[in-house]
């Protein structure tokens, strides 16, 4: 119910083609030349944050990232992570720390998020 409710809310709020900060990699479509121009996916990311990183680089170097409501994608969220939850948690925190080191708006925010990710890695949720 929760995630489906979020999807319905997004559908109501974004009824027209709208510039956004990022879109999920599972529902992303882009030109090959744009993908190549920014260097593609950063291979240091595994499972998480690679789509957000790519979209931020696309916005910075190529142009707008948009949400297109006329395209419908069905994505089974969490299927890959369900096979090994401990490993997925580890990759999530590592990618989170990397993301903030690359995209944190300041040294303090980036440092705090890296610290948070490391603490979370050391303790199971």
PDB file of N, CA and C in Angstrom:
ATOM      1  N   UNK A   1       0.827  -1.198   0.000  1.00  0.00           N
ATOM      2  CA  UNK A   1       0.000   0.000   0.000  1.00  0.00           C
ATOM      3  C   UNK A   1       0.867   1.255   0.000  1.00  0.00           C
ATOM      4  N   UNK A   2       1.925   1.310   0.812  1.00  0.00           N
ATOM      5  CA  UNK A   2       2.738   2.508   0.958  1.00  0.00           C
ATOM      6  C   UNK A   2       3.395   2.974  -0.331  1.00  0.00           C
ATOM      7  N   UNK A   3       4.124   2.088  -0.992  1.00  0.00           N
ATOM      8  CA  UNK A   3       4.792   2.474  -2.235  1.00  0.00           C
ATOM      9  C   UNK A   3       3.794   2.748  -3.343  1.00  0.00           C
ATOM     10  N   UNK A   4       2.712   1.979  -3.386  1.00  0.00           N
ATOM     11  CA  UNK A   4       1.689   2.225  -4.399  1.00  0.00           C
ATOM     12  C   UNK A   4       1.030   3.576  -4.167  1.00  0.00           C
ATOM     13  N   UNK A   5       0.861   3.949  -2.907  1.00  0.00           N
ATOM     14  CA  UNK A   5       0.297   5.258  -2.578  1.00  0.00           C
ATOM     15  C   UNK A   5       1.205   6.390  -3.034  1.00  0.00           C
ATOM     16  N   UNK A   6       2.508   6.195  -2.882  1.00  0.00           N
ATOM     17  CA  UNK A   6       3.475   7.196  -3.347  1.00  0.00           C
ATOM     18  C   UNK A   6       3.380   7.329  -4.866  1.00  0.00           C
ATOM     19  N   UNK A   7       3.287   6.198  -5.557  1.00  0.00           N
ATOM     20  CA  UNK A   7       3.150   6.217  -7.012  1.00  0.00           C
ATOM     21  C   UNK A   7       1.906   6.964  -7.460  1.00  0.00           C
ATOM     22  N   UNK A   8       0.799   6.734  -6.780  1.00  0.00           N
ATOM     23  CA  UNK A   8      -0.445   7.447  -7.126  1.00  0.00           C
ATOM     24  C   UNK A   8      -0.307   8.938  -6.862  1.00  0.00           C
ATOM     25  N   UNK A   9       0.370   9.310  -5.788  1.00  0.00           N
ATOM     26  CA  UNK A   9       0.592  10.726  -5.483  1.00  0.00           C
ATOM     27  C   UNK A   9       1.453  11.378  -6.570  1.00  0.00           C
ATOM     28  N   UNK A  10       2.525  10.701  -6.980  1.00  0.00           N
ATOM     29  CA  UNK A  10       3.372  11.228  -8.051  1.00  0.00           C
ATOM     30  C   UNK A  10       2.555  11.394  -9.324  1.00  0.00           C
ATOM     31  N   UNK A  11       1.733  10.387  -9.645  1.00  0.00           N
ATOM     32  CA  UNK A  11       0.887  10.475 -10.840  1.00  0.00           C
ATOM     33  C   UNK A  11      -0.036  11.685 -10.795  1.00  0.00           C
ATOM     34  N   UNK A  12      -0.585  11.984  -9.634  1.00  0.00           N
ATOM     35  CA  UNK A  12      -1.491  13.142  -9.509  1.00  0.00           C
ATOM     36  C   UNK A  12      -0.735  14.461  -9.611  1.00  0.00           C
ATOM     37  N   UNK A  13       0.452  14.523  -9.006  1.00  0.00           N
ATOM     38  CA  UNK A  13       1.207  15.774  -8.987  1.00  0.00           C
ATOM     39  C   UNK A  13       1.915  16.057 -10.309  1.00  0.00           C
ATOM     40  N   UNK A  14       2.347  15.024 -10.987  1.00  0.00           N
ATOM     41  CA  UNK A  14       3.121  15.198 -12.213  1.00  0.00           C
ATOM     42  C   UNK A  14       2.312  14.681 -13.408  1.00  0.00           C
ATOM     43  N   UNK A  15       1.340  15.445 -13.832  1.00  0.00           N
ATOM     44  CA  UNK A  15       0.476  15.038 -14.945  1.00  0.00           C
ATOM     45  C   UNK A  15       1.046  15.447 -16.303  1.00  0.00           C
ATOM     46  N   UNK A  16       2.055  16.304 -16.302  1.00  0.00           N
ATOM     47  CA  UNK A  16       2.653  16.749 -17.559  1.00  0.00           C
ATOM     48  C   UNK A  16       4.154  16.482 -17.514  1.00  0.00           C
ATOM     49  N   UNK A  17       4.767  16.523 -18.682  1.00  0.00           N
ATOM     50  CA  UNK A  17       6.221  16.352 -18.771  1.00  0.00           C
ATOM     51  C   UNK A  17       6.873  17.411 -17.888  1.00  0.00           C
ATOM     52  N   UNK A  18       7.693  16.981 -16.926  1.00  0.00           N
ATOM     53  CA  UNK A  18       8.208  17.873 -15.897  1.00  0.00           C
ATOM     54  C   UNK A  18       9.699  17.666 -15.670  1.00  0.00           C
ATOM     55  N   UNK A  19      10.492  18.737 -15.642  1.00  0.00           N
ATOM     56  CA  UNK A  19      11.905  18.584 -15.269  1.00  0.00           C
ATOM     57  C   UNK A  19      12.019  18.105 -13.817  1.00  0.00           C
ATOM     58  N   UNK A  20      12.908  17.155 -13.584  1.00  0.00           N
ATOM     59  CA  UNK A  20      13.127  16.601 -12.246  1.00  0.00           C
ATOM     60  C   UNK A  20      14.629  16.482 -11.999  1.00  0.00           C
ATOM     61  N   UNK A  21      14.995  16.234 -10.763  1.00  0.00           N
ATOM     62  CA  UNK A  21      16.417  16.068 -10.430  1.00  0.00           C
ATOM     63  C   UNK A  21      16.948  14.743 -10.955  1.00  0.00           C
ATOM     64  N   UNK A  22      16.128  13.685 -10.865  1.00  0.00           N
ATOM     65  CA  UNK A  22      16.564  12.367 -11.308  1.00  0.00           C
ATOM     66  C   UNK A  22      15.366  11.465 -11.524  1.00  0.00           C
ATOM     67  N   UNK A  23      15.601  10.395 -12.262  1.00  0.00           N
ATOM     68  CA  UNK A  23      14.594   9.353 -12.446  1.00  0.00           C
ATOM     69  C   UNK A  23      15.237   8.015 -12.123  1.00  0.00           C
ATOM     70  N   UNK A  24      14.419   7.057 -11.775  1.00  0.00           N
ATOM     71  CA  UNK A  24      14.926   5.730 -11.429  1.00  0.00           C
ATOM     72  C   UNK A  24      15.533   5.056 -12.651  1.00  0.00           C
ATOM     73  N   UNK A  25      16.646   4.392 -12.444  1.00  0.00           N
ATOM     74  CA  UNK A  25      17.313   3.699 -13.528  1.00  0.00           C
ATOM     75  C   UNK A  25      16.437   2.643 -14.189  1.00  0.00           C
ATOM     76  N   UNK A  26      15.522   2.065 -13.426  1.00  0.00           N
ATOM     77  CA  UNK A  26      14.632   1.037 -13.970  1.00  0.00           C
ATOM     78  C   UNK A  26      13.637   1.608 -14.974  1.00  0.00           C
ATOM     79  N   UNK A  27      13.493   2.917 -14.999  1.00  0.00           N
ATOM     80  CA  UNK A  27      12.527   3.556 -15.895  1.00  0.00           C
ATOM     81  C   UNK A  27      13.185   4.647 -16.732  1.00  0.00           C
ATOM     82  N   UNK A  28      14.470   4.539 -16.936  1.00  0.00           N
ATOM     83  CA  UNK A  28      15.225   5.594 -17.602  1.00  0.00           C
ATOM     84  C   UNK A  28      15.382   5.289 -19.089  1.00  0.00           C
ATOM     85  N   UNK A  29      15.204   6.307 -19.897  1.00  0.00           N
ATOM     86  CA  UNK A  29      15.485   6.208 -21.332  1.00  0.00           C
ATOM     87  C   UNK A  29      16.268   7.457 -21.705  1.00  0.00           C
ATOM     88  N   UNK A  30      17.373   7.271 -22.433  1.00  0.00           N
ATOM     89  CA  UNK A  30      18.164   8.422 -22.834  1.00  0.00           C
ATOM     90  C   UNK A  30      18.922   8.120 -24.118  1.00  0.00           C
ATOM     91  N   UNK A  31      19.361   9.166 -24.740  1.00  0.00           N
ATOM     92  CA  UNK A  31      20.138   9.023 -25.971  1.00  0.00           C
ATOM     93  C   UNK A  31      21.531   8.466 -25.654  1.00  0.00           C
ATOM     94  N   UNK A  32      21.992   7.613 -26.545  1.00  0.00           N
ATOM     95  CA  UNK A  32      23.322   7.018 -26.371  1.00  0.00           C
ATOM     96  C   UNK A  32      24.404   8.094 -26.314  1.00  0.00           C
ATOM     97  N   UNK A  33      24.297   9.129 -27.163  1.00  0.00           N
ATOM     98  CA  UNK A  33      25.330  10.164 -27.173  1.00  0.00           C
ATOM     99  C   UNK A  33      25.384  10.913 -25.847  1.00  0.00           C
ATOM    100  N   UNK A  34      24.233  11.118 -25.217  1.00  0.00           N
ATOM    101  CA  UNK A  34      24.214  11.778 -23.904  1.00  0.00           C
ATOM    102  C   UNK A  34      24.858  10.870 -22.855  1.00  0.00           C
ATOM    103  N   UNK A  35      24.529   9.582 -22.911  1.00  0.00           N
ATOM    104  CA  UNK A  35      25.088   8.600 -21.985  1.00  0.00           C
ATOM    105  C   UNK A  35      26.616   8.565 -22.110  1.00  0.00           C
ATOM    106  N   UNK A  36      27.097   8.531 -23.347  1.00  0.00           N
ATOM    107  CA  UNK A  36      28.541   8.475 -23.591  1.00  0.00           C
ATOM    108  C   UNK A  36      29.224   9.790 -23.202  1.00  0.00           C
ATOM    109  N   UNK A  37      28.553  10.891 -23.419  1.00  0.00           N
ATOM    110  CA  UNK A  37      29.144  12.196 -23.110  1.00  0.00           C
ATOM    111  C   UNK A  37      29.497  12.336 -21.631  1.00  0.00           C
ATOM    112  N   UNK A  38      28.664  11.772 -20.758  1.00  0.00           N
ATOM    113  CA  UNK A  38      28.932  11.877 -19.321  1.00  0.00           C
ATOM    114  C   UNK A  38      29.733  10.690 -18.784  1.00  0.00           C
ATOM    115  N   UNK A  39      30.107   9.773 -19.675  1.00  0.00           N
ATOM    116  CA  UNK A  39      30.924   8.638 -19.252  1.00  0.00           C
ATOM    117  C   UNK A  39      30.127   7.444 -18.775  1.00  0.00           C
ATOM    118  N   UNK A  40      28.820   7.427 -19.026  1.00  0.00           N
ATOM    119  CA  UNK A  40      27.989   6.288 -18.620  1.00  0.00           C
ATOM    120  C   UNK A  40      27.853   6.176 -17.120  1.00  0.00           C
ATOM    121  N   UNK A  41      27.463   4.997 -16.689  1.00  0.00           N
ATOM    122  CA  UNK A  41      27.331   4.749 -15.252  1.00  0.00           C
ATOM    123  C   UNK A  41      28.712   4.705 -14.611  1.00  0.00           C
ATOM    124  N   UNK A  42      28.816   5.232 -13.427  1.00  0.00           N
ATOM    125  CA  UNK A  42      30.051   5.171 -12.649  1.00  0.00           C
ATOM    126  C   UNK A  42      30.120   3.766 -12.041  1.00  0.00           C
ATOM    127  N   UNK A  43      31.087   2.983 -12.475  1.00  0.00           N
ATOM    128  CA  UNK A  43      31.176   1.588 -12.057  1.00  0.00           C
ATOM    129  C   UNK A  43      31.543   1.392 -10.589  1.00  0.00           C
ATOM    130  N   UNK A  44      31.868   2.457  -9.901  1.00  0.00           N
ATOM    131  CA  UNK A  44      32.138   2.325  -8.461  1.00  0.00           C
ATOM    132  C   UNK A  44      30.851   2.081  -7.682  1.00  0.00           C
ATOM    133  N   UNK A  45      29.707   2.436  -8.267  1.00  0.00           N
ATOM    134  CA  UNK A  45      28.416   2.181  -7.627  1.00  0.00           C
ATOM    135  C   UNK A  45      27.978   0.760  -7.980  1.00  0.00           C
ATOM    136  N   UNK A  46      27.377   0.080  -6.996  1.00  0.00           N
ATOM    137  CA  UNK A  46      26.833  -1.240  -7.253  1.00  0.00           C
ATOM    138  C   UNK A  46      25.456  -1.319  -6.608  1.00  0.00           C
ATOM    139  N   UNK A  47      24.458  -1.548  -7.394  1.00  0.00           N
ATOM    140  CA  UNK A  47      23.055  -1.697  -6.981  1.00  0.00           C
ATOM    141  C   UNK A  47      22.342  -0.389  -6.652  1.00  0.00           C
ATOM    142  N   UNK A  48      22.971   0.551  -6.042  1.00  0.00           N
ATOM    143  CA  UNK A  48      22.248   1.725  -5.550  1.00  0.00           C
ATOM    144  C   UNK A  48      22.968   3.027  -5.893  1.00  0.00           C
ATOM    145  N   UNK A  49      22.166   4.082  -6.107  1.00  0.00           N
ATOM    146  CA  UNK A  49      22.631   5.453  -6.317  1.00  0.00           C
ATOM    147  C   UNK A  49      23.251   5.712  -7.693  1.00  0.00           C
ATOM    148  N   UNK A  50      23.483   4.668  -8.480  1.00  0.00           N
ATOM    149  CA  UNK A  50      24.091   4.871  -9.792  1.00  0.00           C
ATOM    150  C   UNK A  50      23.181   5.664 -10.724  1.00  0.00           C
ATOM    151  N   UNK A  51      21.871   5.491 -10.581  1.00  0.00           N
ATOM    152  CA  UNK A  51      20.929   6.225 -11.427  1.00  0.00           C
ATOM    153  C   UNK A  51      20.871   7.702 -11.053  1.00  0.00           C
ATOM    154  N   UNK A  52      20.899   7.982  -9.764  1.00  0.00           N
ATOM    155  CA  UNK A  52      20.861   9.381  -9.316  1.00  0.00           C
ATOM    156  C   UNK A  52      22.147  10.091  -9.735  1.00  0.00           C
ATOM    157  N   UNK A  53      23.280   9.422  -9.538  1.00  0.00           N
ATOM    158  CA  UNK A  53      24.562   9.985  -9.954  1.00  0.00           C
ATOM    159  C   UNK A  53      24.556  10.292 -11.445  1.00  0.00           C
ATOM    160  N   UNK A  54      24.096   9.357 -12.259  1.00  0.00           N
ATOM    161  CA  UNK A  54      24.058   9.556 -13.703  1.00  0.00           C
ATOM    162  C   UNK A  54      23.169  10.747 -14.058  1.00  0.00           C
ATOM    163  N   UNK A  55      21.991  10.836 -13.464  1.00  0.00           N
ATOM    164  CA  UNK A  55      21.080  11.942 -13.769  1.00  0.00           C
ATOM    165  C   UNK A  55      21.666  13.296 -13.363  1.00  0.00           C
ATOM    166  N   UNK A  56      22.333  13.360 -12.234  1.00  0.00           N
ATOM    167  CA  UNK A  56      22.943  14.628 -11.823  1.00  0.00           C
ATOM    168  C   UNK A  56      24.029  15.051 -12.805  1.00  0.00           C
ATOM    169  N   UNK A  57      24.823  14.089 -13.276  1.00  0.00           N
ATOM    170  CA  UNK A  57      25.852  14.411 -14.269  1.00  0.00           C
ATOM    171  C   UNK A  57      25.225  14.801 -15.611  1.00  0.00           C
ATOM    172  N   UNK A  58      24.140  14.126 -15.990  1.00  0.00           N
ATOM    173  CA  UNK A  58      23.431  14.490 -17.227  1.00  0.00           C
ATOM    174  C   UNK A  58      22.894  15.920 -17.147  1.00  0.00           C
ATOM    175  N   UNK A  59      22.260  16.257 -16.026  1.00  0.00           N
ATOM    176  CA  UNK A  59      21.724  17.613 -15.858  1.00  0.00           C
ATOM    177  C   UNK A  59      22.830  18.650 -15.950  1.00  0.00           C
ATOM    178  N   UNK A  60      23.960  18.355 -15.349  1.00  0.00           N
ATOM    179  CA  UNK A  60      25.071  19.299 -15.308  1.00  0.00           C
ATOM    180  C   UNK A  60      25.743  19.461 -16.676  1.00  0.00           C
ATOM    181  N   UNK A  61      25.903  18.380 -17.401  1.00  0.00           N
ATOM    182  CA  UNK A  61      26.691  18.404 -18.632  1.00  0.00           C
ATOM    183  C   UNK A  61      25.882  18.411 -19.924  1.00  0.00           C
ATOM    184  N   UNK A  62      24.642  17.909 -19.885  1.00  0.00           N
ATOM    185  CA  UNK A  62      23.875  17.740 -21.114  1.00  0.00           C
ATOM    186  C   UNK A  62      22.606  18.579 -21.128  1.00  0.00           C
ATOM    187  N   UNK A  63      21.837  18.535 -20.057  1.00  0.00           N
ATOM    188  CA  UNK A  63      20.582  19.287 -20.020  1.00  0.00           C
ATOM    189  C   UNK A  63      19.578  18.643 -19.092  1.00  0.00           C
ATOM    190  N   UNK A  64      18.344  19.021 -19.253  1.00  0.00           N
ATOM    191  CA  UNK A  64      17.277  18.597 -18.354  1.00  0.00           C
ATOM    192  C   UNK A  64      17.087  17.088 -18.309  1.00  0.00           C
ATOM    193  N   UNK A  65      16.697  16.629 -17.140  1.00  0.00           N
ATOM    194  CA  UNK A  65      16.188  15.281 -16.929  1.00  0.00           C
ATOM    195  C   UNK A  65      14.700  15.486 -16.706  1.00  0.00           C
ATOM    196  N   UNK A  66      13.867  14.725 -17.392  1.00  0.00           N
ATOM    197  CA  UNK A  66      12.426  14.940 -17.286  1.00  0.00           C
ATOM    198  C   UNK A  66      11.686  13.667 -16.907  1.00  0.00           C
ATOM    199  N   UNK A  67      10.574  13.880 -16.236  1.00  0.00           N
ATOM    200  CA  UNK A  67       9.613  12.822 -15.943  1.00  0.00           C
ATOM    201  C   UNK A  67       8.572  12.883 -17.049  1.00  0.00           C
ATOM    202  N   UNK A  68       8.339  11.766 -17.726  1.00  0.00           N
ATOM    203  CA  UNK A  68       7.383  11.697 -18.828  1.00  0.00           C
ATOM    204  C   UNK A  68       6.225  10.790 -18.414  1.00  0.00           C
ATOM    205  N   UNK A  69       5.067  11.368 -18.062  1.00  0.00           N
ATOM    206  CA  UNK A  69       3.961  10.579 -17.524  1.00  0.00           C
ATOM    207  C   UNK A  69       3.270   9.672 -18.540  1.00  0.00           C
ATOM    208  N   UNK A  70       3.507   9.862 -19.819  1.00  0.00           N
ATOM    209  CA  UNK A  70       2.838   9.014 -20.814  1.00  0.00           C
ATOM    210  C   UNK A  70       3.485   7.631 -20.921  1.00  0.00           C
ATOM    211  N   UNK A  71       4.637   7.442 -20.306  1.00  0.00           N
ATOM    212  CA  UNK A  71       5.334   6.155 -20.343  1.00  0.00           C
ATOM    213  C   UNK A  71       5.077   5.419 -19.033  1.00  0.00           C
ATOM    214  N   UNK A  72       4.638   4.182 -19.147  1.00  0.00           N
ATOM    215  CA  UNK A  72       4.340   3.372 -17.969  1.00  0.00           C
ATOM    216  C   UNK A  72       5.351   2.238 -17.873  1.00  0.00           C
ATOM    217  N   UNK A  73       5.967   2.100 -16.712  1.00  0.00           N
ATOM    218  CA  UNK A  73       6.955   1.042 -16.472  1.00  0.00           C
ATOM    219  C   UNK A  73       6.539   0.290 -15.219  1.00  0.00           C
ATOM    220  N   UNK A  74       6.574  -1.021 -15.285  1.00  0.00           N
ATOM    221  CA  UNK A  74       6.320  -1.835 -14.096  1.00  0.00           C
ATOM    222  C   UNK A  74       7.662  -2.396 -13.642  1.00  0.00           C
ATOM    223  N   UNK A  75       8.046  -2.081 -12.424  1.00  0.00           N
ATOM    224  CA  UNK A  75       9.338  -2.507 -11.887  1.00  0.00           C
ATOM    225  C   UNK A  75       9.108  -3.262 -10.594  1.00  0.00           C
ATOM    226  N   UNK A  76       9.670  -4.452 -10.480  1.00  0.00           N
ATOM    227  CA  UNK A  76       9.562  -5.236  -9.254  1.00  0.00           C
ATOM    228  C   UNK A  76      10.681  -4.772  -8.345  1.00  0.00           C
ATOM    229  N   UNK A  77      10.343  -3.877  -7.442  1.00  0.00           N
ATOM    230  CA  UNK A  77      11.338  -3.244  -6.577  1.00  0.00           C
ATOM    231  C   UNK A  77      11.899  -4.237  -5.572  1.00  0.00           C
ATOM    232  N   UNK A  78      13.219  -4.243  -5.441  1.00  0.00           N
ATOM    233  CA  UNK A  78      13.878  -5.040  -4.414  1.00  0.00           C
ATOM    234  C   UNK A  78      14.106  -6.497  -4.760  1.00  0.00           C
ATOM    235  N   UNK A  79      13.815  -6.921  -5.980  1.00  0.00           N
ATOM    236  CA  UNK A  79      13.966  -8.336  -6.339  1.00  0.00           C
ATOM    237  C   UNK A  79      15.421  -8.785  -6.233  1.00  0.00           C
ATOM    238  N   UNK A  80      16.350  -7.980  -6.736  1.00  0.00           N
ATOM    239  CA  UNK A  80      17.768  -8.356  -6.670  1.00  0.00           C
ATOM    240  C   UNK A  80      18.256  -8.366  -5.225  1.00  0.00           C
ATOM    241  N   UNK A  81      17.862  -7.376  -4.447  1.00  0.00           N
ATOM    242  CA  UNK A  81      18.320  -7.269  -3.066  1.00  0.00           C
ATOM    243  C   UNK A  81      17.762  -8.390  -2.194  1.00  0.00           C
ATOM    244  N   UNK A  82      16.610  -8.923  -2.559  1.00  0.00           N
ATOM    245  CA  UNK A  82      15.978  -9.961  -1.749  1.00  0.00           C
ATOM    246  C   UNK A  82      16.780 -11.260  -1.730  1.00  0.00           C
ATOM    247  N   UNK A  83      17.644 -11.457  -2.707  1.00  0.00           N
ATOM    248  CA  UNK A  83      18.420 -12.699  -2.750  1.00  0.00           C
ATOM    249  C   UNK A  83      19.493 -12.752  -1.670  1.00  0.00           C
ATOM    250  N   UNK A  84      19.990 -11.607  -1.238  1.00  0.00           N
ATOM    251  CA  UNK A  84      21.015 -11.549  -0.193  1.00  0.00           C
ATOM    252  C   UNK A  84      20.908 -10.189   0.504  1.00  0.00           C
ATOM    253  N   UNK A  85      20.048 -10.111   1.482  1.00  0.00           N
ATOM    254  CA  UNK A  85      19.762  -8.830   2.141  1.00  0.00           C
ATOM    255  C   UNK A  85      20.985  -8.209   2.813  1.00  0.00           C
ATOM    256  N   UNK A  86      21.829  -9.007   3.426  1.00  0.00           N
ATOM    257  CA  UNK A  86      23.018  -8.464   4.109  1.00  0.00           C
ATOM    258  C   UNK A  86      23.963  -7.825   3.093  1.00  0.00           C
ATOM    259  N   UNK A  87      24.170  -8.489   1.987  1.00  0.00           N
ATOM    260  CA  UNK A  87      25.032  -7.941   0.938  1.00  0.00           C
ATOM    261  C   UNK A  87      24.404  -6.680   0.344  1.00  0.00           C
ATOM    262  N   UNK A  88      23.096  -6.693   0.136  1.00  0.00           N
ATOM    263  CA  UNK A  88      22.406  -5.521  -0.410  1.00  0.00           C
ATOM    264  C   UNK A  88      22.555  -4.325   0.521  1.00  0.00           C
ATOM    265  N   UNK A  89      22.420  -4.568   1.827  1.00  0.00           N
ATOM    266  CA  UNK A  89      22.580  -3.503   2.825  1.00  0.00           C
ATOM    267  C   UNK A  89      23.988  -2.919   2.770  1.00  0.00           C
ATOM    268  N   UNK A  90      24.972  -3.788   2.655  1.00  0.00           N
ATOM    269  CA  UNK A  90      26.375  -3.363   2.561  1.00  0.00           C
ATOM    270  C   UNK A  90      26.588  -2.496   1.315  1.00  0.00           C
ATOM    271  N   UNK A  91      26.089  -2.948   0.169  1.00  0.00           N
ATOM    272  CA  UNK A  91      26.255  -2.187  -1.065  1.00  0.00           C
ATOM    273  C   UNK A  91      25.502  -0.861  -1.018  1.00  0.00           C
ATOM    274  N   UNK A  92      24.343  -0.871  -0.381  1.00  0.00           N
ATOM    275  CA  UNK A  92      23.577   0.373  -0.256  1.00  0.00           C
ATOM    276  C   UNK A  92      24.395   1.412   0.512  1.00  0.00           C
ATOM    277  N   UNK A  93      24.944   1.040   1.644  1.00  0.00           N
ATOM    278  CA  UNK A  93      25.695   1.991   2.474  1.00  0.00           C
ATOM    279  C   UNK A  93      26.991   2.435   1.776  1.00  0.00           C
ATOM    280  N   UNK A  94      27.663   1.519   1.118  1.00  0.00           N
ATOM    281  CA  UNK A  94      28.877   1.903   0.391  1.00  0.00           C
ATOM    282  C   UNK A  94      28.557   2.898  -0.728  1.00  0.00           C
ATOM    283  N   UNK A  95      27.487   2.620  -1.457  1.00  0.00           N
ATOM    284  CA  UNK A  95      27.085   3.526  -2.536  1.00  0.00           C
ATOM    285  C   UNK A  95      26.615   4.860  -1.976  1.00  0.00           C
ATOM    286  N   UNK A  96      25.954   4.824  -0.841  1.00  0.00           N
ATOM    287  CA  UNK A  96      25.494   6.055  -0.195  1.00  0.00           C
ATOM    288  C   UNK A  96      26.684   6.927   0.179  1.00  0.00           C
ATOM    289  N   UNK A  97      27.698   6.343   0.764  1.00  0.00           N
ATOM    290  CA  UNK A  97      28.888   7.105   1.152  1.00  0.00           C
ATOM    291  C   UNK A  97      29.596   7.665  -0.084  1.00  0.00           C
ATOM    292  N   UNK A  98      29.713   6.874  -1.128  1.00  0.00           N
ATOM    293  CA  UNK A  98      30.341   7.335  -2.362  1.00  0.00           C
ATOM    294  C   UNK A  98      29.537   8.484  -2.973  1.00  0.00           C
ATOM    295  N   UNK A  99      28.223   8.326  -3.015  1.00  0.00           N
ATOM    296  CA  UNK A  99      27.368   9.364  -3.588  1.00  0.00           C
ATOM    297  C   UNK A  99      27.578  10.696  -2.879  1.00  0.00           C
ATOM    298  N   UNK A 100      27.565  10.674  -1.563  1.00  0.00           N
ATOM    299  CA  UNK A 100      27.726  11.926  -0.819  1.00  0.00           C
ATOM    300  C   UNK A 100      29.134  12.493  -0.952  1.00  0.00           C
ATOM    301  N   UNK A 101      30.126  11.623  -1.121  1.00  0.00           N
ATOM    302  CA  UNK A 101      31.478  12.150  -1.322  1.00  0.00           C
ATOM    303  C   UNK A 101      31.584  12.863  -2.665  1.00  0.00           C
ATOM    304  N   UNK A 102      30.808  12.415  -3.656  1.00  0.00           N
ATOM    305  CA  UNK A 102      30.830  13.025  -4.981  1.00  0.00           C
ATOM    306  C   UNK A 102      29.890  14.216  -5.122  1.00  0.00           C
ATOM    307  N   UNK A 103      28.736  14.147  -4.450  1.00  0.00           N
ATOM    308  CA  UNK A 103      27.681  15.131  -4.697  1.00  0.00           C
ATOM    309  C   UNK A 103      27.266  15.952  -3.478  1.00  0.00           C
ATOM    310  N   UNK A 104      27.906  15.741  -2.342  1.00  0.00           N
ATOM    311  CA  UNK A 104      27.575  16.535  -1.165  1.00  0.00           C
ATOM    312  C   UNK A 104      27.811  18.004  -1.460  1.00  0.00           C
ATOM    313  N   UNK A 105      26.897  18.850  -1.033  1.00  0.00           N
ATOM    314  CA  UNK A 105      26.976  20.280  -1.348  1.00  0.00           C
ATOM    315  C   UNK A 105      28.023  21.011  -0.525  1.00  0.00           C
ATOM    316  N   UNK A 106      28.584  20.354   0.410  1.00  0.00           N
ATOM    317  CA  UNK A 106      29.630  20.969   1.224  1.00  0.00           C
ATOM    318  C   UNK A 106      30.405  19.882   1.940  1.00  0.00           C
ATOM    319  N   UNK A 107      31.562  20.223   2.394  1.00  0.00           N
ATOM    320  CA  UNK A 107      32.386  19.221   3.067  1.00  0.00           C
ATOM    321  C   UNK A 107      31.708  18.691   4.318  1.00  0.00           C
ATOM    322  N   UNK A 108      31.006  19.551   5.048  1.00  0.00           N
ATOM    323  CA  UNK A 108      30.356  19.099   6.273  1.00  0.00           C
ATOM    324  C   UNK A 108      29.248  18.108   5.969  1.00  0.00           C
ATOM    325  N   UNK A 109      28.347  18.441   5.035  1.00  0.00           N
ATOM    326  CA  UNK A 109      27.241  17.526   4.727  1.00  0.00           C
ATOM    327  C   UNK A 109      27.762  16.219   4.160  1.00  0.00           C
ATOM    328  N   UNK A 110      28.747  16.284   3.280  1.00  0.00           N
ATOM    329  CA  UNK A 110      29.312  15.063   2.709  1.00  0.00           C
ATOM    330  C   UNK A 110      29.968  14.220   3.798  1.00  0.00           C
ATOM    331  N   UNK A 111      30.716  14.866   4.686  1.00  0.00           N
ATOM    332  CA  UNK A 111      31.372  14.147   5.775  1.00  0.00           C
ATOM    333  C   UNK A 111      30.383  13.505   6.726  1.00  0.00           C
ATOM    334  N   UNK A 112      29.315  14.222   7.051  1.00  0.00           N
ATOM    335  CA  UNK A 112      28.292  13.670   7.940  1.00  0.00           C
ATOM    336  C   UNK A 112      27.597  12.472   7.313  1.00  0.00           C
ATOM    337  N   UNK A 113      27.269  12.553   6.035  1.00  0.00           N
ATOM    338  CA  UNK A 113      26.610  11.440   5.379  1.00  0.00           C
ATOM    339  C   UNK A 113      27.541  10.241   5.247  1.00  0.00           C
ATOM    340  N   UNK A 114      28.822  10.468   5.003  1.00  0.00           N
ATOM    341  CA  UNK A 114      29.773   9.352   4.942  1.00  0.00           C
ATOM    342  C   UNK A 114      29.887   8.695   6.314  1.00  0.00           C
ATOM    343  N   UNK A 115      29.943   9.503   7.350  1.00  0.00           N
ATOM    344  CA  UNK A 115      30.004   8.964   8.721  1.00  0.00           C
ATOM    345  C   UNK A 115      28.759   8.143   9.007  1.00  0.00           C
ATOM    346  N   UNK A 116      27.585   8.687   8.665  1.00  0.00           N
ATOM    347  CA  UNK A 116      26.315   7.981   8.882  1.00  0.00           C
ATOM    348  C   UNK A 116      26.318   6.640   8.158  1.00  0.00           C
ATOM    349  N   UNK A 117      26.761   6.618   6.899  1.00  0.00           N
ATOM    350  CA  UNK A 117      26.779   5.378   6.130  1.00  0.00           C
ATOM    351  C   UNK A 117      27.717   4.358   6.779  1.00  0.00           C
ATOM    352  N   UNK A 118      28.860   4.812   7.260  1.00  0.00           N
ATOM    353  CA  UNK A 118      29.813   3.889   7.908  1.00  0.00           C
ATOM    354  C   UNK A 118      29.249   3.335   9.217  1.00  0.00           C
ATOM    355  N   UNK A 119      28.581   4.183   9.970  1.00  0.00           N
ATOM    356  CA  UNK A 119      27.963   3.728  11.223  1.00  0.00           C
ATOM    357  C   UNK A 119      26.892   2.690  10.915  1.00  0.00           C
ATOM    358  N   UNK A 120      26.085   2.953   9.901  1.00  0.00           N
ATOM    359  CA  UNK A 120      25.033   2.007   9.518  1.00  0.00           C
ATOM    360  C   UNK A 120      25.629   0.682   9.033  1.00  0.00           C
ATOM    361  N   UNK A 121      26.782   0.754   8.360  1.00  0.00           N
ATOM    362  CA  UNK A 121      27.447  -0.481   7.921  1.00  0.00           C
ATOM    363  C   UNK A 121      27.894  -1.306   9.113  1.00  0.00           C
ATOM    364  N   UNK A 122      28.305  -0.647  10.172  1.00  0.00           N
ATOM    365  CA  UNK A 122      28.824  -1.347  11.339  1.00  0.00           C
ATOM    366  C   UNK A 122      27.702  -1.966  12.189  1.00  0.00           C
ATOM    367  N   UNK A 123      26.481  -1.469  12.040  1.00  0.00           N
ATOM    368  CA  UNK A 123      25.342  -1.958  12.840  1.00  0.00           C
ATOM    369  C   UNK A 123      24.218  -2.383  11.922  1.00  0.00           C
ATOM    370  N   UNK A 124      23.647  -3.518  12.206  1.00  0.00           N
ATOM    371  CA  UNK A 124      22.504  -3.962  11.403  1.00  0.00           C
ATOM    372  C   UNK A 124      21.286  -3.134  11.796  1.00  0.00           C
ATOM    373  N   UNK A 125      20.443  -2.768  10.784  1.00  0.00           N
ATOM    374  CA  UNK A 125      19.239  -1.979  11.089  1.00  0.00           C
ATOM    375  C   UNK A 125      18.217  -2.763  11.873  1.00  0.00           C
TER     376      UNK A 125
END
